[in-house]
N, C-alpha and C. Protein backbone atom coordinates (compact mmCIF):
# COMPACT_ATOMS: atom_id res chain seq x y z
N MET A 1 -17.93 17.65 -5.80
CA MET A 1 -17.48 16.25 -5.64
C MET A 1 -17.74 15.36 -6.89
N ILE A 2 -16.78 14.80 -7.29
CA ILE A 2 -16.87 13.87 -8.38
C ILE A 2 -17.60 12.69 -8.11
N ARG A 3 -18.68 12.51 -8.86
CA ARG A 3 -19.53 11.39 -8.92
C ARG A 3 -19.22 10.17 -9.74
N ASN A 4 -19.34 8.95 -9.13
CA ASN A 4 -18.86 7.76 -10.11
C ASN A 4 -20.22 7.21 -10.80
N PRO A 5 -20.62 7.82 -11.93
CA PRO A 5 -21.97 7.27 -12.55
C PRO A 5 -21.91 5.67 -12.87
N GLY A 6 -22.88 5.04 -12.46
CA GLY A 6 -22.92 3.63 -12.96
C GLY A 6 -22.08 2.61 -11.90
N LEU A 7 -21.57 3.17 -10.75
CA LEU A 7 -20.81 2.45 -9.80
C LEU A 7 -21.79 2.25 -8.61
N ALA A 8 -21.48 1.11 -7.96
CA ALA A 8 -22.33 0.69 -6.65
C ALA A 8 -22.08 1.83 -5.71
N ASP A 9 -23.11 1.95 -4.75
CA ASP A 9 -23.04 3.04 -3.64
C ASP A 9 -21.78 2.90 -2.65
N GLY A 10 -21.45 1.64 -2.58
CA GLY A 10 -20.27 1.36 -1.61
C GLY A 10 -18.94 1.55 -1.88
N THR A 11 -18.84 2.10 -3.24
CA THR A 11 -17.44 2.25 -3.80
C THR A 11 -16.79 3.38 -3.06
N PRO A 12 -15.53 2.99 -2.94
CA PRO A 12 -14.55 4.17 -2.17
C PRO A 12 -14.59 5.39 -3.11
N PRO A 13 -14.16 6.53 -2.41
CA PRO A 13 -14.00 7.66 -3.17
C PRO A 13 -12.88 7.53 -4.18
N LEU A 14 -13.12 8.45 -5.31
CA LEU A 14 -12.03 8.35 -6.37
C LEU A 14 -10.87 8.42 -6.10
N SER A 15 -10.42 9.51 -5.31
CA SER A 15 -8.77 9.59 -5.25
C SER A 15 -8.25 8.36 -4.24
N SER A 16 -9.02 7.85 -3.24
CA SER A 16 -8.58 6.69 -2.67
C SER A 16 -8.49 5.56 -3.56
N SER A 17 -9.32 5.34 -4.38
CA SER A 17 -9.27 4.33 -5.38
C SER A 17 -8.10 4.48 -6.31
N ALA A 18 -7.76 5.63 -6.74
CA ALA A 18 -6.56 5.97 -7.63
C ALA A 18 -5.29 5.58 -7.08
N VAL A 19 -4.93 5.96 -5.82
CA VAL A 19 -3.94 5.76 -4.99
C VAL A 19 -3.74 4.37 -4.68
N THR A 20 -4.82 3.56 -4.38
CA THR A 20 -4.97 2.11 -4.34
C THR A 20 -4.46 1.43 -5.62
N LEU A 21 -5.05 1.81 -6.82
CA LEU A 21 -4.68 1.09 -7.96
C LEU A 21 -3.38 1.41 -8.51
N LEU A 22 -2.83 2.83 -8.32
CA LEU A 22 -1.39 2.98 -8.67
C LEU A 22 -0.39 2.13 -7.69
N SER A 23 -0.63 2.06 -6.38
CA SER A 23 0.03 0.97 -5.77
C SER A 23 0.16 -0.40 -6.09
N ALA A 24 -1.20 -0.71 -6.26
CA ALA A 24 -1.37 -2.22 -6.91
C ALA A 24 -0.50 -2.42 -8.00
N PHE A 25 -0.67 -1.40 -9.12
CA PHE A 25 0.15 -1.52 -10.29
C PHE A 25 1.69 -1.60 -9.92
N ALA A 26 2.11 -0.88 -9.09
CA ALA A 26 3.58 -0.91 -8.57
C ALA A 26 4.05 -2.29 -8.08
N VAL A 27 3.07 -2.89 -7.27
CA VAL A 27 3.34 -4.32 -6.99
C VAL A 27 3.40 -5.31 -7.90
N LEU A 28 2.56 -5.08 -8.96
CA LEU A 28 2.46 -6.08 -10.26
C LEU A 28 3.90 -5.90 -10.94
N PHE A 29 4.28 -4.65 -10.93
CA PHE A 29 5.54 -4.40 -11.78
C PHE A 29 6.73 -4.97 -11.22
N LEU A 30 6.67 -4.55 -9.69
CA LEU A 30 7.97 -4.94 -9.06
C LEU A 30 7.93 -6.50 -8.86
N THR A 31 6.77 -7.26 -8.84
CA THR A 31 7.04 -8.70 -8.59
C THR A 31 6.91 -9.42 -10.00
N ALA A 32 6.84 -8.95 -10.94
CA ALA A 32 6.64 -9.69 -12.22
C ALA A 32 8.08 -10.42 -12.61
N ILE A 33 8.34 -11.32 -11.79
CA ILE A 33 9.62 -11.97 -11.97
C ILE A 33 9.66 -13.44 -12.59
N SER A 34 8.43 -13.86 -12.51
CA SER A 34 8.25 -15.21 -12.94
C SER A 34 6.75 -15.35 -13.31
N VAL A 35 6.43 -16.52 -13.89
CA VAL A 35 4.86 -16.68 -14.32
C VAL A 35 4.09 -16.86 -13.10
N TYR A 36 4.44 -17.29 -12.06
CA TYR A 36 3.63 -17.68 -10.91
C TYR A 36 3.37 -16.21 -10.11
N THR A 37 4.52 -15.36 -10.01
CA THR A 37 4.22 -13.98 -9.42
C THR A 37 3.35 -13.05 -10.51
N LEU A 38 3.67 -13.17 -11.62
CA LEU A 38 2.78 -12.27 -12.63
C LEU A 38 1.41 -12.83 -12.63
N THR A 39 1.00 -14.08 -12.55
CA THR A 39 -0.28 -14.64 -12.41
C THR A 39 -1.07 -14.30 -11.14
N ALA A 40 -0.28 -14.34 -9.92
CA ALA A 40 -0.92 -13.90 -8.77
C ALA A 40 -1.07 -12.36 -8.80
N GLY A 41 -0.16 -11.64 -9.27
CA GLY A 41 -0.29 -9.98 -9.39
C GLY A 41 -1.43 -9.77 -10.16
N VAL A 42 -1.50 -10.30 -11.33
CA VAL A 42 -2.56 -9.76 -12.39
C VAL A 42 -3.93 -10.22 -11.72
N PHE A 43 -4.16 -11.37 -11.17
CA PHE A 43 -5.31 -11.78 -10.67
C PHE A 43 -5.88 -10.71 -9.39
N GLY A 44 -4.62 -10.61 -8.53
CA GLY A 44 -4.84 -9.58 -7.53
C GLY A 44 -5.11 -8.20 -7.96
N LEU A 45 -4.80 -7.77 -8.90
CA LEU A 45 -5.03 -6.48 -9.41
C LEU A 45 -6.60 -6.50 -10.09
N LEU A 46 -7.00 -7.65 -10.71
CA LEU A 46 -8.31 -7.62 -11.19
C LEU A 46 -9.39 -7.71 -10.10
N PHE A 47 -8.96 -8.70 -9.00
CA PHE A 47 -9.95 -8.56 -7.98
C PHE A 47 -10.03 -7.27 -7.34
N LEU A 48 -8.83 -6.79 -7.08
CA LEU A 48 -8.98 -5.36 -6.37
C LEU A 48 -9.70 -4.41 -7.01
N LEU A 49 -9.53 -4.44 -8.54
CA LEU A 49 -10.24 -3.62 -9.27
C LEU A 49 -11.90 -3.67 -9.19
N VAL A 50 -12.25 -5.15 -9.25
CA VAL A 50 -13.55 -5.34 -9.18
C VAL A 50 -14.17 -5.08 -7.72
N GLY A 51 -13.43 -5.29 -6.75
CA GLY A 51 -13.85 -4.84 -5.56
C GLY A 51 -13.96 -3.32 -5.32
N LEU A 52 -13.25 -2.52 -6.03
CA LEU A 52 -13.39 -1.10 -5.81
C LEU A 52 -14.67 -0.69 -6.69
N VAL A 53 -14.65 -1.35 -7.85
CA VAL A 53 -15.80 -0.80 -8.71
C VAL A 53 -17.12 -1.34 -8.17
N ARG A 54 -17.38 -2.38 -7.52
CA ARG A 54 -18.59 -3.00 -7.01
C ARG A 54 -18.76 -2.52 -5.62
N GLY A 55 -17.68 -1.90 -4.99
CA GLY A 55 -17.87 -1.46 -3.62
C GLY A 55 -17.89 -2.77 -2.65
N SER A 56 -17.25 -3.90 -2.95
CA SER A 56 -17.15 -5.07 -2.24
C SER A 56 -15.75 -5.19 -1.61
N SER A 57 -15.88 -4.94 -0.35
CA SER A 57 -14.52 -4.94 0.44
C SER A 57 -14.15 -6.57 0.59
N GLY A 58 -14.92 -7.47 0.42
CA GLY A 58 -14.47 -8.73 0.50
C GLY A 58 -13.63 -9.29 -0.74
N VAL A 59 -14.16 -8.95 -2.04
CA VAL A 59 -13.40 -8.79 -3.14
C VAL A 59 -12.12 -8.12 -3.28
N PHE A 60 -12.31 -7.00 -2.62
CA PHE A 60 -11.04 -6.10 -2.61
C PHE A 60 -9.97 -6.73 -1.71
N SER A 61 -10.42 -7.39 -0.66
CA SER A 61 -9.42 -8.00 0.30
C SER A 61 -8.71 -9.26 -0.49
N LEU A 62 -9.51 -10.06 -1.03
CA LEU A 62 -8.96 -10.98 -1.84
C LEU A 62 -7.96 -10.55 -2.87
N GLY A 63 -8.14 -9.59 -3.37
CA GLY A 63 -7.16 -8.81 -4.51
C GLY A 63 -5.94 -8.49 -3.59
N ILE A 64 -6.17 -7.94 -2.50
CA ILE A 64 -4.76 -7.66 -1.78
C ILE A 64 -4.07 -8.96 -1.28
N ALA A 65 -4.81 -9.84 -0.95
CA ALA A 65 -4.17 -11.16 -0.57
C ALA A 65 -3.49 -11.83 -1.68
N LEU A 66 -3.96 -11.83 -2.93
CA LEU A 66 -3.22 -12.19 -3.99
C LEU A 66 -1.95 -11.53 -4.16
N LEU A 67 -1.97 -10.09 -4.03
CA LEU A 67 -0.85 -9.29 -4.24
C LEU A 67 0.28 -9.73 -3.25
N PHE A 68 -0.34 -9.91 -1.91
CA PHE A 68 0.68 -10.37 -0.97
C PHE A 68 1.29 -11.65 -1.38
N VAL A 69 0.54 -12.65 -1.88
CA VAL A 69 1.07 -13.92 -2.38
C VAL A 69 2.15 -13.40 -3.37
N ALA A 70 1.90 -12.61 -4.22
CA ALA A 70 2.78 -12.42 -5.27
C ALA A 70 4.09 -11.89 -4.72
N VAL A 71 4.14 -11.31 -3.73
CA VAL A 71 5.36 -10.70 -2.98
C VAL A 71 6.11 -11.78 -2.26
N VAL A 72 5.39 -12.62 -1.49
CA VAL A 72 5.92 -13.78 -0.85
C VAL A 72 6.61 -14.72 -1.76
N VAL A 73 5.96 -14.95 -2.95
CA VAL A 73 6.51 -16.10 -3.87
C VAL A 73 7.75 -15.39 -4.48
N ALA A 74 7.70 -14.06 -4.70
CA ALA A 74 8.83 -13.38 -5.30
C ALA A 74 10.06 -13.46 -4.42
N GLY A 75 9.71 -13.29 -3.00
CA GLY A 75 10.92 -13.37 -2.19
C GLY A 75 11.34 -14.94 -2.12
N LEU A 76 10.40 -15.93 -2.20
CA LEU A 76 10.89 -17.30 -2.19
C LEU A 76 11.71 -17.54 -3.51
N LEU A 77 11.37 -16.87 -4.61
CA LEU A 77 12.23 -17.08 -5.69
C LEU A 77 13.47 -16.28 -5.85
N GLY A 78 13.87 -15.57 -4.74
CA GLY A 78 15.14 -15.04 -4.74
C GLY A 78 15.12 -13.44 -5.12
N MET A 79 13.92 -12.74 -5.07
CA MET A 79 13.95 -11.46 -5.37
C MET A 79 14.79 -10.53 -4.60
N SER A 80 15.44 -9.53 -5.16
CA SER A 80 16.41 -8.58 -4.42
C SER A 80 15.60 -8.13 -3.09
N PRO A 81 16.41 -8.05 -1.86
CA PRO A 81 15.55 -7.54 -0.62
C PRO A 81 14.92 -6.08 -0.75
N LEU A 82 15.66 -5.12 -1.56
CA LEU A 82 15.24 -3.79 -1.72
C LEU A 82 13.90 -3.99 -2.63
N PHE A 83 13.86 -4.59 -3.56
CA PHE A 83 12.63 -4.68 -4.53
C PHE A 83 11.51 -5.41 -3.70
N LEU A 84 11.99 -6.29 -3.03
CA LEU A 84 10.91 -6.95 -1.98
C LEU A 84 10.21 -6.21 -0.94
N LEU A 85 11.00 -5.29 -0.27
CA LEU A 85 10.65 -4.31 0.57
C LEU A 85 9.68 -3.35 -0.11
N LEU A 86 10.10 -2.99 -1.38
CA LEU A 86 9.16 -1.84 -2.08
C LEU A 86 7.82 -2.57 -2.26
N ALA A 87 7.94 -3.74 -2.85
CA ALA A 87 6.77 -4.35 -3.25
C ALA A 87 5.92 -4.55 -1.91
N GLY A 88 6.29 -5.00 -0.75
CA GLY A 88 5.56 -5.09 0.38
C GLY A 88 5.07 -3.80 0.86
N PHE A 89 5.82 -2.73 0.52
CA PHE A 89 5.48 -1.44 1.03
C PHE A 89 4.17 -1.02 0.04
N PHE A 90 4.28 -1.06 -1.04
CA PHE A 90 3.10 -0.86 -1.85
C PHE A 90 1.83 -1.55 -1.77
N THR A 91 2.18 -2.91 -1.36
CA THR A 91 1.02 -3.79 -1.14
C THR A 91 0.39 -3.28 0.09
N VAL A 92 1.06 -2.96 1.25
CA VAL A 92 0.42 -2.38 2.51
C VAL A 92 -0.26 -1.01 2.26
N LEU A 93 0.40 -0.08 1.43
CA LEU A 93 -0.15 1.10 1.07
C LEU A 93 -1.41 1.08 0.21
N SER A 94 -1.56 0.01 -0.66
CA SER A 94 -2.62 -0.26 -1.30
C SER A 94 -3.83 -0.69 -0.39
N TRP A 95 -3.33 -1.55 0.44
CA TRP A 95 -4.44 -2.25 1.29
C TRP A 95 -5.02 -0.92 2.23
N ASP A 96 -3.97 -0.31 2.89
CA ASP A 96 -4.44 0.67 3.76
C ASP A 96 -5.41 1.69 3.29
N VAL A 97 -4.83 2.41 2.12
CA VAL A 97 -5.73 3.43 1.47
C VAL A 97 -7.02 2.93 0.96
N GLY A 98 -7.06 1.93 0.53
CA GLY A 98 -8.45 1.10 0.01
C GLY A 98 -9.38 0.94 0.94
N HIS A 99 -8.62 0.19 2.07
CA HIS A 99 -9.71 0.09 3.16
C HIS A 99 -10.13 1.08 3.85
N THR A 100 -9.33 2.28 3.88
CA THR A 100 -9.86 3.68 4.53
C THR A 100 -10.77 4.15 3.64
N GLY A 101 -10.64 4.14 2.21
CA GLY A 101 -11.57 4.54 1.36
C GLY A 101 -12.92 3.85 1.48
N PHE A 102 -12.92 2.47 1.77
CA PHE A 102 -14.28 1.92 1.98
C PHE A 102 -14.91 2.53 3.29
N GLY A 103 -14.20 2.73 4.28
CA GLY A 103 -14.57 3.31 5.67
C GLY A 103 -15.01 4.67 5.53
N ILE A 104 -14.38 5.62 4.62
CA ILE A 104 -14.73 6.86 4.53
C ILE A 104 -16.28 6.91 3.61
N ARG A 105 -16.42 6.02 2.64
CA ARG A 105 -17.70 6.02 1.89
C ARG A 105 -18.64 5.54 2.79
N GLU A 106 -18.40 4.70 3.81
CA GLU A 106 -19.45 4.10 4.68
C GLU A 106 -19.93 5.10 5.56
N GLU A 107 -19.00 5.88 6.17
CA GLU A 107 -19.26 6.97 7.22
C GLU A 107 -19.92 8.29 6.74
N MET A 108 -19.27 8.64 5.39
CA MET A 108 -19.69 9.87 4.86
C MET A 108 -20.84 9.94 3.81
N GLY A 109 -20.90 8.69 3.23
CA GLY A 109 -22.00 8.63 2.12
C GLY A 109 -21.38 9.22 1.03
N ARG A 110 -22.28 9.44 -0.06
CA ARG A 110 -21.83 9.92 -1.36
C ARG A 110 -21.97 11.38 -1.63
N GLY A 111 -22.87 12.09 -0.80
CA GLY A 111 -23.12 13.52 -1.01
C GLY A 111 -22.04 14.41 -0.51
N VAL A 112 -20.82 14.07 0.04
CA VAL A 112 -20.00 14.74 0.78
C VAL A 112 -18.67 14.65 0.24
N SER A 113 -18.05 15.97 0.12
CA SER A 113 -16.58 15.95 -0.42
C SER A 113 -15.64 15.49 0.51
N THR A 114 -14.92 14.27 0.19
CA THR A 114 -14.02 13.73 1.10
C THR A 114 -12.57 13.95 0.52
N LEU A 115 -12.15 14.67 -0.35
CA LEU A 115 -11.02 14.83 -0.87
C LEU A 115 -9.94 15.27 0.17
N ARG A 116 -10.05 16.12 1.06
CA ARG A 116 -9.18 16.58 2.06
C ARG A 116 -8.84 15.53 3.02
N ILE A 117 -10.00 14.73 3.40
CA ILE A 117 -9.78 13.71 4.26
C ILE A 117 -8.93 12.46 3.75
N GLU A 118 -9.09 12.06 2.35
CA GLU A 118 -8.44 11.21 1.74
C GLU A 118 -6.86 11.56 1.51
N LEU A 119 -6.65 12.75 1.13
CA LEU A 119 -5.32 13.27 0.91
C LEU A 119 -4.55 13.15 2.13
N VAL A 120 -5.00 13.65 3.32
CA VAL A 120 -4.40 13.74 4.65
C VAL A 120 -4.09 12.18 5.03
N ARG A 121 -5.06 11.34 4.90
CA ARG A 121 -4.91 9.81 5.18
C ARG A 121 -3.94 9.10 4.28
N SER A 122 -3.94 9.45 3.05
CA SER A 122 -2.97 8.82 2.16
C SER A 122 -1.54 9.41 2.39
N ALA A 123 -1.44 10.90 2.70
CA ALA A 123 0.07 11.19 2.98
C ALA A 123 0.38 10.63 4.18
N SER A 124 -0.29 10.60 5.35
CA SER A 124 0.19 10.13 6.56
C SER A 124 0.45 8.58 6.43
N SER A 125 -0.43 7.89 5.80
CA SER A 125 0.14 6.46 5.55
C SER A 125 1.40 6.26 4.76
N LEU A 126 1.46 7.15 3.82
CA LEU A 126 2.86 7.20 3.06
C LEU A 126 4.13 7.49 3.76
N VAL A 127 3.99 8.52 4.77
CA VAL A 127 5.08 8.85 5.72
C VAL A 127 5.39 7.69 6.56
N VAL A 128 4.28 7.34 7.31
CA VAL A 128 4.55 6.15 8.17
C VAL A 128 5.14 4.98 7.57
N LEU A 129 4.56 4.42 6.50
CA LEU A 129 5.12 3.22 5.76
C LEU A 129 6.61 3.58 5.53
N SER A 130 6.95 4.61 4.74
CA SER A 130 8.16 5.05 4.49
C SER A 130 9.27 4.91 5.49
N VAL A 131 8.72 5.43 6.73
CA VAL A 131 9.62 5.46 7.76
C VAL A 131 9.78 4.02 8.27
N GLY A 132 8.85 3.18 8.30
CA GLY A 132 8.94 1.78 8.66
C GLY A 132 9.83 1.02 7.79
N ALA A 133 9.50 1.29 6.53
CA ALA A 133 10.49 0.67 5.39
C ALA A 133 11.83 0.97 5.39
N ALA A 134 12.08 2.31 5.76
CA ALA A 134 13.42 2.70 5.69
C ALA A 134 14.23 2.14 7.06
N ILE A 135 13.36 1.76 8.26
CA ILE A 135 14.00 1.52 9.41
C ILE A 135 14.31 -0.05 9.12
N GLY A 136 13.42 -0.83 8.46
CA GLY A 136 13.54 -2.24 8.28
C GLY A 136 14.81 -2.44 7.34
N TYR A 137 14.79 -1.57 6.27
CA TYR A 137 15.95 -1.89 5.36
C TYR A 137 17.17 -1.58 6.11
N ALA A 138 17.24 -0.66 6.88
CA ALA A 138 18.48 -0.15 7.69
C ALA A 138 18.93 -1.31 8.55
N VAL A 139 17.90 -1.81 9.33
CA VAL A 139 18.24 -2.94 9.95
C VAL A 139 18.79 -4.14 9.29
N PHE A 140 18.21 -4.46 8.01
CA PHE A 140 18.64 -5.74 7.34
C PHE A 140 20.03 -5.27 6.86
N ARG A 141 20.43 -4.17 6.51
CA ARG A 141 21.72 -3.73 5.98
C ARG A 141 22.72 -3.95 7.13
N THR A 142 22.29 -3.53 8.34
CA THR A 142 23.21 -3.54 9.44
C THR A 142 23.42 -5.16 9.86
N ALA A 143 22.43 -5.86 9.79
CA ALA A 143 22.49 -7.27 10.11
C ALA A 143 23.27 -8.14 9.33
N THR A 144 23.30 -7.70 7.91
CA THR A 144 24.11 -8.39 7.00
C THR A 144 25.48 -7.64 6.85
N GLY A 145 25.74 -6.82 7.73
CA GLY A 145 27.10 -6.28 7.84
C GLY A 145 27.49 -5.24 6.63
N GLU A 146 26.47 -4.73 6.03
CA GLU A 146 26.79 -3.79 4.93
C GLU A 146 26.62 -2.36 5.16
N GLN A 147 26.24 -2.06 6.47
CA GLN A 147 25.98 -0.78 7.06
C GLN A 147 26.39 -0.69 8.40
N SER A 148 26.96 0.51 8.91
CA SER A 148 27.28 0.58 10.23
C SER A 148 26.32 0.78 11.23
N LEU A 149 26.51 0.48 12.50
CA LEU A 149 25.43 0.42 13.52
C LEU A 149 25.04 2.07 13.80
N LEU A 150 26.10 2.82 13.72
CA LEU A 150 25.93 4.36 13.90
C LEU A 150 24.83 4.92 12.92
N ALA A 151 24.85 4.43 11.46
CA ALA A 151 23.74 4.94 10.69
C ALA A 151 22.38 4.36 11.08
N LEU A 152 22.22 3.03 11.69
CA LEU A 152 20.83 2.71 12.15
C LEU A 152 20.49 3.57 13.11
N VAL A 153 21.44 3.88 14.19
CA VAL A 153 20.93 4.73 15.34
C VAL A 153 20.53 6.01 14.88
N ALA A 154 21.12 6.54 14.01
CA ALA A 154 20.77 8.07 13.50
C ALA A 154 19.67 7.75 12.75
N LEU A 155 19.42 6.74 12.04
CA LEU A 155 17.88 6.62 11.34
C LEU A 155 16.74 6.50 12.24
N LEU A 156 17.16 5.84 13.42
CA LEU A 156 16.01 5.56 14.29
C LEU A 156 15.85 6.87 15.28
N VAL A 157 16.77 7.56 15.43
CA VAL A 157 16.61 8.86 16.14
C VAL A 157 15.87 9.71 15.20
N GLY A 158 16.12 9.82 13.94
CA GLY A 158 15.34 10.54 12.78
C GLY A 158 13.89 10.22 12.82
N ALA A 159 13.76 8.99 12.99
CA ALA A 159 12.12 8.43 12.82
C ALA A 159 11.53 8.81 13.91
N VAL A 160 12.04 8.77 15.15
CA VAL A 160 11.39 9.08 16.20
C VAL A 160 11.13 10.72 16.22
N ALA A 161 12.02 11.61 15.90
CA ALA A 161 11.91 12.95 15.75
C ALA A 161 10.70 13.30 14.92
N LEU A 162 10.74 12.56 13.63
CA LEU A 162 9.65 12.75 12.64
C LEU A 162 8.29 12.49 13.43
N LEU A 163 8.15 11.47 14.08
CA LEU A 163 6.98 10.95 14.58
C LEU A 163 6.58 11.84 15.65
N ILE A 164 7.44 12.31 16.57
CA ILE A 164 7.13 13.41 17.47
C ILE A 164 6.59 14.53 16.81
N ALA A 165 7.22 15.03 15.73
CA ALA A 165 6.81 16.36 14.91
C ALA A 165 5.48 16.05 14.36
N LEU A 166 5.13 14.99 13.90
CA LEU A 166 3.78 14.67 13.24
C LEU A 166 2.74 14.51 14.37
N GLN A 167 3.15 14.21 15.54
CA GLN A 167 1.98 13.99 16.48
C GLN A 167 1.62 15.58 17.00
N GLU A 168 2.36 16.49 17.01
CA GLU A 168 2.02 17.82 17.51
C GLU A 168 1.38 18.61 16.70
């Protein structure tokens, strides 16, 4: 197991922290359309980083909330729906993987290798969020008349089949 010298005992494992930070950087990049969204995104990323390093889930949650504010403000400023959906996707992925990392550290402690648990959890979160985002985007495109209803039904059937396959 890779130890984090000098970090607090409650810090999430390294791989969860890495996925969380990469997702947060994606949110910052996607929402940097104005000074307001850039400010909220930068402060969100900083609070998120401090929360991860210090092992403080409260500070981490504040960072996630600021990233969410950046996404909402970007939407209010007229950001493209596809990029808005991607920014929301990465915000939720960052929150989910980071929050799970805190839980893993609390349950398992520092002396146990948690890489396999983290990879499985991150991959499953990625799949579930991707399916949800795809369905949301398809519903949006269908509601605006840009896509046929048959494509939406095919996507829903595929999503249900994937979820059934993952459950077995």
